[in-house]
Amino acid sequence: MKKPAPDDRPLEDLIPDFTELLAMEVEFVSDLGQTQLPLKEVLQLERASVIDLGKPAGESVEIYVNSRILGKGEVMVYEKNLAIRVNEILDANAVLHFFSKEP
């Protein structure tokens, strides 16, 4: 019988020594974009104002976990909420390597 590739095994089989690490709460952030505005413009913002983030609609967004890039995704609406559909992601071993180094 063919042995499954490491990425096909359950996460628990890949990292048996990281049980506590898997229970750790992490901060998930997706960066929709950013811009700089003069303070004068910030003070003039009101309801229905539009702030151009300088990123074309439909472009992928970066996904971060604890300030480390995890992958890329696209913004979508899911059950009336904004959500991120993951399109690219680091493999589990790379992610665990990052978090095993966290203080």
PDB file of N, CA and C in Angstrom:
ATOM      1  N   MET A   1       0.849  -1.175   0.000  1.00  0.00           N
ATOM      2  CA  MET A   1       0.000   0.000   0.000  1.00  0.00           C
ATOM      3  C   MET A   1       0.892   1.235   0.000  1.00  0.00           C
ATOM      4  N   LYS A   2       0.535   2.208  -0.815  1.00  0.00           N
ATOM      5  CA  LYS A   2       1.324   3.423  -0.955  1.00  0.00           C
ATOM      6  C   LYS A   2       1.168   4.306   0.285  1.00  0.00           C
ATOM      7  N   LYS A   3       2.287   4.770   0.806  1.00  0.00           N
ATOM      8  CA  LYS A   3       2.274   5.649   1.971  1.00  0.00           C
ATOM      9  C   LYS A   3       1.848   7.053   1.525  1.00  0.00           C
ATOM     10  N   PRO A   4       0.911   7.714   2.234  1.00  0.00           N
ATOM     11  CA  PRO A   4       0.456   9.038   1.803  1.00  0.00           C
ATOM     12  C   PRO A   4       1.579  10.060   1.914  1.00  0.00           C
ATOM     13  N   ALA A   5       1.527  11.040   1.018  1.00  0.00           N
ATOM     14  CA  ALA A   5       2.493  12.144   1.067  1.00  0.00           C
ATOM     15  C   ALA A   5       2.291  12.905   2.369  1.00  0.00           C
ATOM     16  N   PRO A   6       3.352  13.526   2.902  1.00  0.00           N
ATOM     17  CA  PRO A   6       3.229  14.231   4.187  1.00  0.00           C
ATOM     18  C   PRO A   6       2.081  15.232   4.222  1.00  0.00           C
ATOM     19  N   ASP A   7       1.803  15.931   3.128  1.00  0.00           N
ATOM     20  CA  ASP A   7       0.736  16.933   3.132  1.00  0.00           C
ATOM     21  C   ASP A   7      -0.651  16.308   3.138  1.00  0.00           C
ATOM     22  N   ASP A   8      -0.757  14.987   2.831  1.00  0.00           N
ATOM     23  CA  ASP A   8      -2.046  14.313   2.821  1.00  0.00           C
ATOM     24  C   ASP A   8      -2.426  13.759   4.192  1.00  0.00           C
ATOM     25  N   ARG A   9      -1.459  13.733   5.113  1.00  0.00           N
ATOM     26  CA  ARG A   9      -1.740  13.188   6.439  1.00  0.00           C
ATOM     27  C   ARG A   9      -2.486  14.211   7.290  1.00  0.00           C
ATOM     28  N   PRO A  10      -3.250  13.745   8.254  1.00  0.00           N
ATOM     29  CA  PRO A  10      -3.919  14.683   9.164  1.00  0.00           C
ATOM     30  C   PRO A  10      -2.883  15.548   9.893  1.00  0.00           C
ATOM     31  N   LEU A  11      -3.277  16.768  10.189  1.00  0.00           N
ATOM     32  CA  LEU A  11      -2.387  17.720  10.848  1.00  0.00           C
ATOM     33  C   LEU A  11      -1.810  17.144  12.138  1.00  0.00           C
ATOM     34  N   GLU A  12      -2.614  16.412  12.896  1.00  0.00           N
ATOM     35  CA  GLU A  12      -2.146  15.846  14.159  1.00  0.00           C
ATOM     36  C   GLU A  12      -1.000  14.854  13.946  1.00  0.00           C
ATOM     37  N   ASP A  13      -0.989  14.154  12.805  1.00  0.00           N
ATOM     38  CA  ASP A  13       0.093  13.207  12.512  1.00  0.00           C
ATOM     39  C   ASP A  13       1.388  13.928  12.145  1.00  0.00           C
ATOM     40  N   LEU A  14       1.256  15.096  11.549  1.00  0.00           N
ATOM     41  CA  LEU A  14       2.438  15.859  11.147  1.00  0.00           C
ATOM     42  C   LEU A  14       3.132  16.491  12.340  1.00  0.00           C
ATOM     43  N   ILE A  15       2.380  16.823  13.378  1.00  0.00           N
ATOM     44  CA  ILE A  15       2.934  17.600  14.477  1.00  0.00           C
ATOM     45  C   ILE A  15       2.531  17.041  15.836  1.00  0.00           C
ATOM     46  N   PRO A  16       2.897  15.837  16.149  1.00  0.00           N
ATOM     47  CA  PRO A  16       2.457  15.242  17.410  1.00  0.00           C
ATOM     48  C   PRO A  16       2.992  15.960  18.647  1.00  0.00           C
ATOM     49  N   ASP A  17       4.087  16.702  18.520  1.00  0.00           N
ATOM     50  CA  ASP A  17       4.663  17.375  19.678  1.00  0.00           C
ATOM     51  C   ASP A  17       4.127  18.789  19.878  1.00  0.00           C
ATOM     52  N   PHE A  18       3.172  19.207  19.068  1.00  0.00           N
ATOM     53  CA  PHE A  18       2.701  20.584  19.119  1.00  0.00           C
ATOM     54  C   PHE A  18       1.252  20.704  19.586  1.00  0.00           C
ATOM     55  N   THR A  19       0.805  19.806  20.452  1.00  0.00           N
ATOM     56  CA  THR A  19      -0.575  19.810  20.901  1.00  0.00           C
ATOM     57  C   THR A  19      -0.977  21.149  21.500  1.00  0.00           C
ATOM     58  N   GLU A  20      -0.156  21.693  22.386  1.00  0.00           N
ATOM     59  CA  GLU A  20      -0.475  22.980  23.006  1.00  0.00           C
ATOM     60  C   GLU A  20      -0.447  24.106  21.985  1.00  0.00           C
ATOM     61  N   LEU A  21       0.458  24.024  21.048  1.00  0.00           N
ATOM     62  CA  LEU A  21       0.558  25.052  20.013  1.00  0.00           C
ATOM     63  C   LEU A  21      -0.718  25.120  19.182  1.00  0.00           C
ATOM     64  N   LEU A  22      -1.318  23.976  18.887  1.00  0.00           N
ATOM     65  CA  LEU A  22      -2.532  23.946  18.074  1.00  0.00           C
ATOM     66  C   LEU A  22      -3.717  24.602  18.769  1.00  0.00           C
ATOM     67  N   ALA A  23      -3.717  24.667  20.087  1.00  0.00           N
ATOM     68  CA  ALA A  23      -4.803  25.289  20.837  1.00  0.00           C
ATOM     69  C   ALA A  23      -4.602  26.790  21.008  1.00  0.00           C
ATOM     70  N   MET A  24      -3.460  27.310  20.574  1.00  0.00           N
ATOM     71  CA  MET A  24      -3.135  28.724  20.759  1.00  0.00           C
ATOM     72  C   MET A  24      -4.065  29.610  19.922  1.00  0.00           C
ATOM     73  N   GLU A  25      -4.597  30.664  20.539  1.00  0.00           N
ATOM     74  CA  GLU A  25      -5.405  31.656  19.826  1.00  0.00           C
ATOM     75  C   GLU A  25      -4.457  32.548  19.035  1.00  0.00           C
ATOM     76  N   VAL A  26      -4.812  32.863  17.789  1.00  0.00           N
ATOM     77  CA  VAL A  26      -3.981  33.716  16.944  1.00  0.00           C
ATOM     78  C   VAL A  26      -4.824  34.854  16.389  1.00  0.00           C
ATOM     79  N   GLU A  27      -4.160  35.925  15.999  1.00  0.00           N
ATOM     80  CA  GLU A  27      -4.830  37.073  15.405  1.00  0.00           C
ATOM     81  C   GLU A  27      -4.816  36.918  13.890  1.00  0.00           C
ATOM     82  N   PHE A  28      -5.983  36.911  13.280  1.00  0.00           N
ATOM     83  CA  PHE A  28      -6.128  36.786  11.825  1.00  0.00           C
ATOM     84  C   PHE A  28      -6.427  38.157  11.261  1.00  0.00           C
ATOM     85  N   VAL A  29      -5.625  38.621  10.294  1.00  0.00           N
ATOM     86  CA  VAL A  29      -5.799  39.939   9.691  1.00  0.00           C
ATOM     87  C   VAL A  29      -5.704  39.801   8.180  1.00  0.00           C
ATOM     88  N   SER A  30      -6.557  40.519   7.486  1.00  0.00           N
ATOM     89  CA  SER A  30      -6.450  40.612   6.035  1.00  0.00           C
ATOM     90  C   SER A  30      -6.345  42.083   5.683  1.00  0.00           C
ATOM     91  N   ASP A  31      -5.403  42.403   4.838  1.00  0.00           N
ATOM     92  CA  ASP A  31      -5.123  43.788   4.484  1.00  0.00           C
ATOM     93  C   ASP A  31      -5.849  44.150   3.193  1.00  0.00           C
ATOM     94  N   LEU A  32      -6.939  44.903   3.322  1.00  0.00           N
ATOM     95  CA  LEU A  32      -7.691  45.318   2.146  1.00  0.00           C
ATOM     96  C   LEU A  32      -6.962  46.382   1.349  1.00  0.00           C
ATOM     97  N   GLY A  33      -6.138  47.139   1.998  1.00  0.00           N
ATOM     98  CA  GLY A  33      -5.399  48.202   1.333  1.00  0.00           C
ATOM     99  C   GLY A  33      -5.098  49.311   2.318  1.00  0.00           C
ATOM    100  N   GLN A  34      -4.341  50.283   1.857  1.00  0.00           N
ATOM    101  CA  GLN A  34      -4.025  51.418   2.716  1.00  0.00           C
ATOM    102  C   GLN A  34      -3.765  52.643   1.869  1.00  0.00           C
ATOM    103  N   THR A  35      -3.851  53.781   2.498  1.00  0.00           N
ATOM    104  CA  THR A  35      -3.590  55.045   1.823  1.00  0.00           C
ATOM    105  C   THR A  35      -3.149  56.062   2.853  1.00  0.00           C
ATOM    106  N   GLN A  36      -2.678  57.164   2.401  1.00  0.00           N
ATOM    107  CA  GLN A  36      -2.327  58.267   3.297  1.00  0.00           C
ATOM    108  C   GLN A  36      -3.211  59.454   2.943  1.00  0.00           C
ATOM    109  N   LEU A  37      -3.730  60.090   3.975  1.00  0.00           N
ATOM    110  CA  LEU A  37      -4.579  61.267   3.793  1.00  0.00           C
ATOM    111  C   LEU A  37      -4.045  62.403   4.644  1.00  0.00           C
ATOM    112  N   PRO A  38      -4.157  63.618   4.139  1.00  0.00           N
ATOM    113  CA  PRO A  38      -3.828  64.752   5.008  1.00  0.00           C
ATOM    114  C   PRO A  38      -4.852  64.828   6.147  1.00  0.00           C
ATOM    115  N   LEU A  39      -4.429  65.269   7.290  1.00  0.00           N
ATOM    116  CA  LEU A  39      -5.320  65.380   8.448  1.00  0.00           C
ATOM    117  C   LEU A  39      -6.553  66.203   8.103  1.00  0.00           C
ATOM    118  N   LYS A  40      -6.387  67.214   7.286  1.00  0.00           N
ATOM    119  CA  LYS A  40      -7.521  68.056   6.884  1.00  0.00           C
ATOM    120  C   LYS A  40      -8.627  67.196   6.254  1.00  0.00           C
ATOM    121  N   GLU A  41      -8.240  66.261   5.369  1.00  0.00           N
ATOM    122  CA  GLU A  41      -9.229  65.389   4.734  1.00  0.00           C
ATOM    123  C   GLU A  41      -9.847  64.422   5.737  1.00  0.00           C
ATOM    124  N   VAL A  42      -9.061  63.914   6.667  1.00  0.00           N
ATOM    125  CA  VAL A  42      -9.588  63.013   7.698  1.00  0.00           C
ATOM    126  C   VAL A  42     -10.652  63.733   8.514  1.00  0.00           C
ATOM    127  N   LEU A  43     -10.403  64.977   8.865  1.00  0.00           N
ATOM    128  CA  LEU A  43     -11.350  65.742   9.672  1.00  0.00           C
ATOM    129  C   LEU A  43     -12.621  66.089   8.897  1.00  0.00           C
ATOM    130  N   GLN A  44     -12.560  66.014   7.581  1.00  0.00           N
ATOM    131  CA  GLN A  44     -13.735  66.310   6.749  1.00  0.00           C
ATOM    132  C   GLN A  44     -14.549  65.054   6.423  1.00  0.00           C
ATOM    133  N   LEU A  45     -14.090  63.883   6.859  1.00  0.00           N
ATOM    134  CA  LEU A  45     -14.837  62.652   6.595  1.00  0.00           C
ATOM    135  C   LEU A  45     -16.189  62.695   7.291  1.00  0.00           C
ATOM    136  N   GLU A  46     -17.177  62.180   6.608  1.00  0.00           N
ATOM    137  CA  GLU A  46     -18.517  62.098   7.184  1.00  0.00           C
ATOM    138  C   GLU A  46     -19.169  60.820   6.682  1.00  0.00           C
ATOM    139  N   ARG A  47     -20.338  60.551   7.176  1.00  0.00           N
ATOM    140  CA  ARG A  47     -21.054  59.350   6.759  1.00  0.00           C
ATOM    141  C   ARG A  47     -21.182  59.337   5.232  1.00  0.00           C
ATOM    142  N   ALA A  48     -20.912  58.191   4.631  1.00  0.00           N
ATOM    143  CA  ALA A  48     -20.966  57.955   3.181  1.00  0.00           C
ATOM    144  C   ALA A  48     -19.739  58.483   2.445  1.00  0.00           C
ATOM    145  N   SER A  49     -18.746  59.000   3.173  1.00  0.00           N
ATOM    146  CA  SER A  49     -17.492  59.370   2.520  1.00  0.00           C
ATOM    147  C   SER A  49     -16.831  58.103   1.980  1.00  0.00           C
ATOM    148  N   VAL A  50     -16.083  58.233   0.908  1.00  0.00           N
ATOM    149  CA  VAL A  50     -15.388  57.100   0.307  1.00  0.00           C
ATOM    150  C   VAL A  50     -13.895  57.350   0.399  1.00  0.00           C
ATOM    151  N   ILE A  51     -13.167  56.363   0.882  1.00  0.00           N
ATOM    152  CA  ILE A  51     -11.714  56.456   0.980  1.00  0.00           C
ATOM    153  C   ILE A  51     -11.134  55.466  -0.017  1.00  0.00           C
ATOM    154  N   ASP A  52     -10.406  55.967  -0.990  1.00  0.00           N
ATOM    155  CA  ASP A  52      -9.780  55.127  -2.010  1.00  0.00           C
ATOM    156  C   ASP A  52      -8.556  54.455  -1.403  1.00  0.00           C
ATOM    157  N   LEU A  53      -8.552  53.128  -1.381  1.00  0.00           N
ATOM    158  CA  LEU A  53      -7.443  52.380  -0.812  1.00  0.00           C
ATOM    159  C   LEU A  53      -6.344  52.096  -1.826  1.00  0.00           C
ATOM    160  N   GLY A  54      -6.529  52.540  -3.041  1.00  0.00           N
ATOM    161  CA  GLY A  54      -5.490  52.390  -4.041  1.00  0.00           C
ATOM    162  C   GLY A  54      -5.266  50.966  -4.515  1.00  0.00           C
ATOM    163  N   LYS A  55      -6.252  50.121  -4.339  1.00  0.00           N
ATOM    164  CA  LYS A  55      -6.132  48.728  -4.753  1.00  0.00           C
ATOM    165  C   LYS A  55      -7.300  48.416  -5.684  1.00  0.00           C
ATOM    166  N   PRO A  56      -7.032  47.886  -6.857  1.00  0.00           N
ATOM    167  CA  PRO A  56      -8.124  47.589  -7.787  1.00  0.00           C
ATOM    168  C   PRO A  56      -9.112  46.567  -7.212  1.00  0.00           C
ATOM    169  N   ALA A  57     -10.385  46.768  -7.507  1.00  0.00           N
ATOM    170  CA  ALA A  57     -11.410  45.804  -7.086  1.00  0.00           C
ATOM    171  C   ALA A  57     -11.095  44.449  -7.697  1.00  0.00           C
ATOM    172  N   GLY A  58     -11.279  43.405  -6.934  1.00  0.00           N
ATOM    173  CA  GLY A  58     -11.037  42.055  -7.421  1.00  0.00           C
ATOM    174  C   GLY A  58      -9.608  41.577  -7.239  1.00  0.00           C
ATOM    175  N   GLU A  59      -8.712  42.467  -6.833  1.00  0.00           N
ATOM    176  CA  GLU A  59      -7.321  42.054  -6.605  1.00  0.00           C
ATOM    177  C   GLU A  59      -7.235  41.254  -5.310  1.00  0.00           C
ATOM    178  N   SER A  60      -6.309  40.314  -5.257  1.00  0.00           N
ATOM    179  CA  SER A  60      -6.201  39.491  -4.053  1.00  0.00           C
ATOM    180  C   SER A  60      -5.689  40.315  -2.873  1.00  0.00           C
ATOM    181  N   VAL A  61      -6.034  39.845  -1.682  1.00  0.00           N
ATOM    182  CA  VAL A  61      -5.609  40.486  -0.445  1.00  0.00           C
ATOM    183  C   VAL A  61      -4.693  39.542   0.315  1.00  0.00           C
ATOM    184  N   GLU A  62      -3.777  40.104   1.068  1.00  0.00           N
ATOM    185  CA  GLU A  62      -2.865  39.293   1.870  1.00  0.00           C
ATOM    186  C   GLU A  62      -3.569  38.863   3.149  1.00  0.00           C
ATOM    187  N   ILE A  63      -3.213  37.680   3.637  1.00  0.00           N
ATOM    188  CA  ILE A  63      -3.762  37.134   4.880  1.00  0.00           C
ATOM    189  C   ILE A  63      -2.595  36.982   5.856  1.00  0.00           C
ATOM    190  N   TYR A  64      -2.754  37.535   7.053  1.00  0.00           N
ATOM    191  CA  TYR A  64      -1.708  37.477   8.065  1.00  0.00           C
ATOM    192  C   TYR A  64      -2.240  36.791   9.320  1.00  0.00           C
ATOM    193  N   VAL A  65      -1.382  36.032   9.962  1.00  0.00           N
ATOM    194  CA  VAL A  65      -1.678  35.463  11.273  1.00  0.00           C
ATOM    195  C   VAL A  65      -0.531  35.875  12.182  1.00  0.00           C
ATOM    196  N   ASN A  66      -0.881  36.571  13.262  1.00  0.00           N
ATOM    197  CA  ASN A  66       0.125  37.117  14.189  1.00  0.00           C
ATOM    198  C   ASN A  66       1.219  37.874  13.442  1.00  0.00           C
ATOM    199  N   SER A  67       0.812  38.729  12.527  1.00  0.00           N
ATOM    200  CA  SER A  67       1.698  39.613  11.756  1.00  0.00           C
ATOM    201  C   SER A  67       2.615  38.891  10.777  1.00  0.00           C
ATOM    202  N   ARG A  68       2.402  37.622  10.542  1.00  0.00           N
ATOM    203  CA  ARG A  68       3.201  36.865   9.563  1.00  0.00           C
ATOM    204  C   ARG A  68       2.289  36.475   8.412  1.00  0.00           C
ATOM    205  N   ILE A  69       2.794  36.672   7.186  1.00  0.00           N
ATOM    206  CA  ILE A  69       1.961  36.357   6.026  1.00  0.00           C
ATOM    207  C   ILE A  69       1.666  34.859   5.985  1.00  0.00           C
ATOM    208  N   LEU A  70       0.404  34.546   5.784  1.00  0.00           N
ATOM    209  CA  LEU A  70      -0.051  33.161   5.727  1.00  0.00           C
ATOM    210  C   LEU A  70      -0.418  32.773   4.296  1.00  0.00           C
ATOM    211  N   GLY A  71      -0.898  33.745   3.530  1.00  0.00           N
ATOM    212  CA  GLY A  71      -1.303  33.450   2.164  1.00  0.00           C
ATOM    213  C   GLY A  71      -2.016  34.628   1.540  1.00  0.00           C
ATOM    214  N   LYS A  72      -2.813  34.326   0.513  1.00  0.00           N
ATOM    215  CA  LYS A  72      -3.593  35.350  -0.183  1.00  0.00           C
ATOM    216  C   LYS A  72      -5.005  34.837  -0.385  1.00  0.00           C
ATOM    217  N   GLY A  73      -5.919  35.775  -0.501  1.00  0.00           N
ATOM    218  CA  GLY A  73      -7.312  35.407  -0.714  1.00  0.00           C
ATOM    219  C   GLY A  73      -8.053  36.509  -1.426  1.00  0.00           C
ATOM    220  N   GLU A  74      -9.357  36.330  -1.548  1.00  0.00           N
ATOM    221  CA  GLU A  74     -10.187  37.345  -2.180  1.00  0.00           C
ATOM    222  C   GLU A  74     -11.349  37.674  -1.258  1.00  0.00           C
ATOM    223  N   VAL A  75     -11.723  38.947  -1.274  1.00  0.00           N
ATOM    224  CA  VAL A  75     -12.841  39.408  -0.452  1.00  0.00           C
ATOM    225  C   VAL A  75     -14.135  38.964  -1.110  1.00  0.00           C
ATOM    226  N   MET A  76     -15.049  38.484  -0.291  1.00  0.00           N
ATOM    227  CA  MET A  76     -16.354  38.046  -0.800  1.00  0.00           C
ATOM    228  C   MET A  76     -17.411  38.300   0.268  1.00  0.00           C
ATOM    229  N   VAL A  77     -18.653  38.141  -0.106  1.00  0.00           N
ATOM    230  CA  VAL A  77     -19.762  38.233   0.844  1.00  0.00           C
ATOM    231  C   VAL A  77     -20.213  36.814   1.146  1.00  0.00           C
ATOM    232  N   TYR A  78     -20.292  36.491   2.438  1.00  0.00           N
ATOM    233  CA  TYR A  78     -20.720  35.173   2.891  1.00  0.00           C
ATOM    234  C   TYR A  78     -21.780  35.361   3.967  1.00  0.00           C
ATOM    235  N   GLU A  79     -22.991  34.916   3.687  1.00  0.00           N
ATOM    236  CA  GLU A  79     -24.103  35.066   4.628  1.00  0.00           C
ATOM    237  C   GLU A  79     -24.215  36.495   5.145  1.00  0.00           C
ATOM    238  N   LYS A  80     -24.189  37.462   4.249  1.00  0.00           N
ATOM    239  CA  LYS A  80     -24.345  38.900   4.524  1.00  0.00           C
ATOM    240  C   LYS A  80     -23.163  39.528   5.237  1.00  0.00           C
ATOM    241  N   ASN A  81     -22.062  38.795   5.390  1.00  0.00           N
ATOM    242  CA  ASN A  81     -20.858  39.334   6.023  1.00  0.00           C
ATOM    243  C   ASN A  81     -19.710  39.329   5.028  1.00  0.00           C
ATOM    244  N   LEU A  82     -18.756  40.236   5.226  1.00  0.00           N
ATOM    245  CA  LEU A  82     -17.535  40.183   4.435  1.00  0.00           C
ATOM    246  C   LEU A  82     -16.723  38.985   4.906  1.00  0.00           C
ATOM    247  N   ALA A  83     -16.086  38.319   3.978  1.00  0.00           N
ATOM    248  CA  ALA A  83     -15.275  37.145   4.293  1.00  0.00           C
ATOM    249  C   ALA A  83     -14.094  37.102   3.334  1.00  0.00           C
ATOM    250  N   ILE A  84     -13.156  36.220   3.610  1.00  0.00           N
ATOM    251  CA  ILE A  84     -11.997  36.022   2.750  1.00  0.00           C
ATOM    252  C   ILE A  84     -12.024  34.585   2.248  1.00  0.00           C
ATOM    253  N   ARG A  85     -11.965  34.410   0.942  1.00  0.00           N
ATOM    254  CA  ARG A  85     -11.816  33.078   0.353  1.00  0.00           C
ATOM    255  C   ARG A  85     -10.319  32.861   0.142  1.00  0.00           C
ATOM    256  N   VAL A  86      -9.758  31.845   0.754  1.00  0.00           N
ATOM    257  CA  VAL A  86      -8.326  31.580   0.681  1.00  0.00           C
ATOM    258  C   VAL A  86      -7.991  30.999  -0.693  1.00  0.00           C
ATOM    259  N   ASN A  87      -7.042  31.653  -1.385  1.00  0.00           N
ATOM    260  CA  ASN A  87      -6.600  31.184  -2.703  1.00  0.00           C
ATOM    261  C   ASN A  87      -5.200  30.585  -2.665  1.00  0.00           C
ATOM    262  N   GLU A  88      -4.351  31.109  -1.787  1.00  0.00           N
ATOM    263  CA  GLU A  88      -2.984  30.600  -1.626  1.00  0.00           C
ATOM    264  C   GLU A  88      -2.693  30.557  -0.137  1.00  0.00           C
ATOM    265  N   ILE A  89      -1.965  29.526   0.295  1.00  0.00           N
ATOM    266  CA  ILE A  89      -1.657  29.419   1.720  1.00  0.00           C
ATOM    267  C   ILE A  89      -0.341  28.652   1.897  1.00  0.00           C
ATOM    268  N   LEU A  90       0.416  29.041   2.922  1.00  0.00           N
ATOM    269  CA  LEU A  90       1.634  28.305   3.239  1.00  0.00           C
ATOM    270  C   LEU A  90       1.278  26.910   3.709  1.00  0.00           C
ATOM    271  N   ASP A  91       2.203  25.977   3.573  1.00  0.00           N
ATOM    272  CA  ASP A  91       1.893  24.635   4.069  1.00  0.00           C
ATOM    273  C   ASP A  91       1.979  24.605   5.593  1.00  0.00           C
ATOM    274  N   ALA A  92       1.383  23.595   6.177  1.00  0.00           N
ATOM    275  CA  ALA A  92       1.276  23.480   7.633  1.00  0.00           C
ATOM    276  C   ALA A  92       2.640  23.498   8.309  1.00  0.00           C
ATOM    277  N   ASN A  93       3.647  22.868   7.714  1.00  0.00           N
ATOM    278  CA  ASN A  93       4.975  22.833   8.335  1.00  0.00           C
ATOM    279  C   ASN A  93       5.586  24.222   8.450  1.00  0.00           C
ATOM    280  N   ALA A  94       5.423  25.055   7.421  1.00  0.00           N
ATOM    281  CA  ALA A  94       5.960  26.416   7.464  1.00  0.00           C
ATOM    282  C   ALA A  94       5.249  27.239   8.533  1.00  0.00           C
ATOM    283  N   VAL A  95       3.937  27.093   8.612  1.00  0.00           N
ATOM    284  CA  VAL A  95       3.166  27.833   9.618  1.00  0.00           C
ATOM    285  C   VAL A  95       3.594  27.416  11.020  1.00  0.00           C
ATOM    286  N   LEU A  96       3.716  26.123  11.263  1.00  0.00           N
ATOM    287  CA  LEU A  96       4.116  25.645  12.595  1.00  0.00           C
ATOM    288  C   LEU A  96       5.530  26.093  12.931  1.00  0.00           C
ATOM    289  N   HIS A  97       6.398  26.155  11.942  1.00  0.00           N
ATOM    290  CA  HIS A  97       7.753  26.643  12.179  1.00  0.00           C
ATOM    291  C   HIS A  97       7.698  28.081  12.699  1.00  0.00           C
ATOM    292  N   PHE A  98       6.891  28.932  12.063  1.00  0.00           N
ATOM    293  CA  PHE A  98       6.750  30.316  12.514  1.00  0.00           C
ATOM    294  C   PHE A  98       6.275  30.384  13.959  1.00  0.00           C
ATOM    295  N   PHE A  99       5.209  29.627  14.269  1.00  0.00           N
ATOM    296  CA  PHE A  99       4.622  29.731  15.605  1.00  0.00           C
ATOM    297  C   PHE A  99       5.419  29.035  16.686  1.00  0.00           C
ATOM    298  N   SER A 100       6.216  28.069  16.320  1.00  0.00           N
ATOM    299  CA  SER A 100       7.064  27.434  17.334  1.00  0.00           C
ATOM    300  C   SER A 100       8.164  28.376  17.789  1.00  0.00           C
ATOM    301  N   LYS A 101       8.425  29.439  17.009  1.00  0.00           N
ATOM    302  CA  LYS A 101       9.448  30.437  17.361  1.00  0.00           C
ATOM    303  C   LYS A 101       8.842  31.622  18.128  1.00  0.00           C
ATOM    304  N   GLU A 102       7.502  31.687  18.217  1.00  0.00           N
ATOM    305  CA  GLU A 102       6.842  32.795  18.918  1.00  0.00           C
ATOM    306  C   GLU A 102       7.164  32.722  20.409  1.00  0.00           C
ATOM    307  N   PRO A 103       7.336  33.878  21.031  1.00  0.00           N
ATOM    308  CA  PRO A 103       7.608  33.873  22.481  1.00  0.00           C
ATOM    309  C   PRO A 103       6.399  33.429  23.296  1.00  0.00           C
TER     310      PRO A 103
END
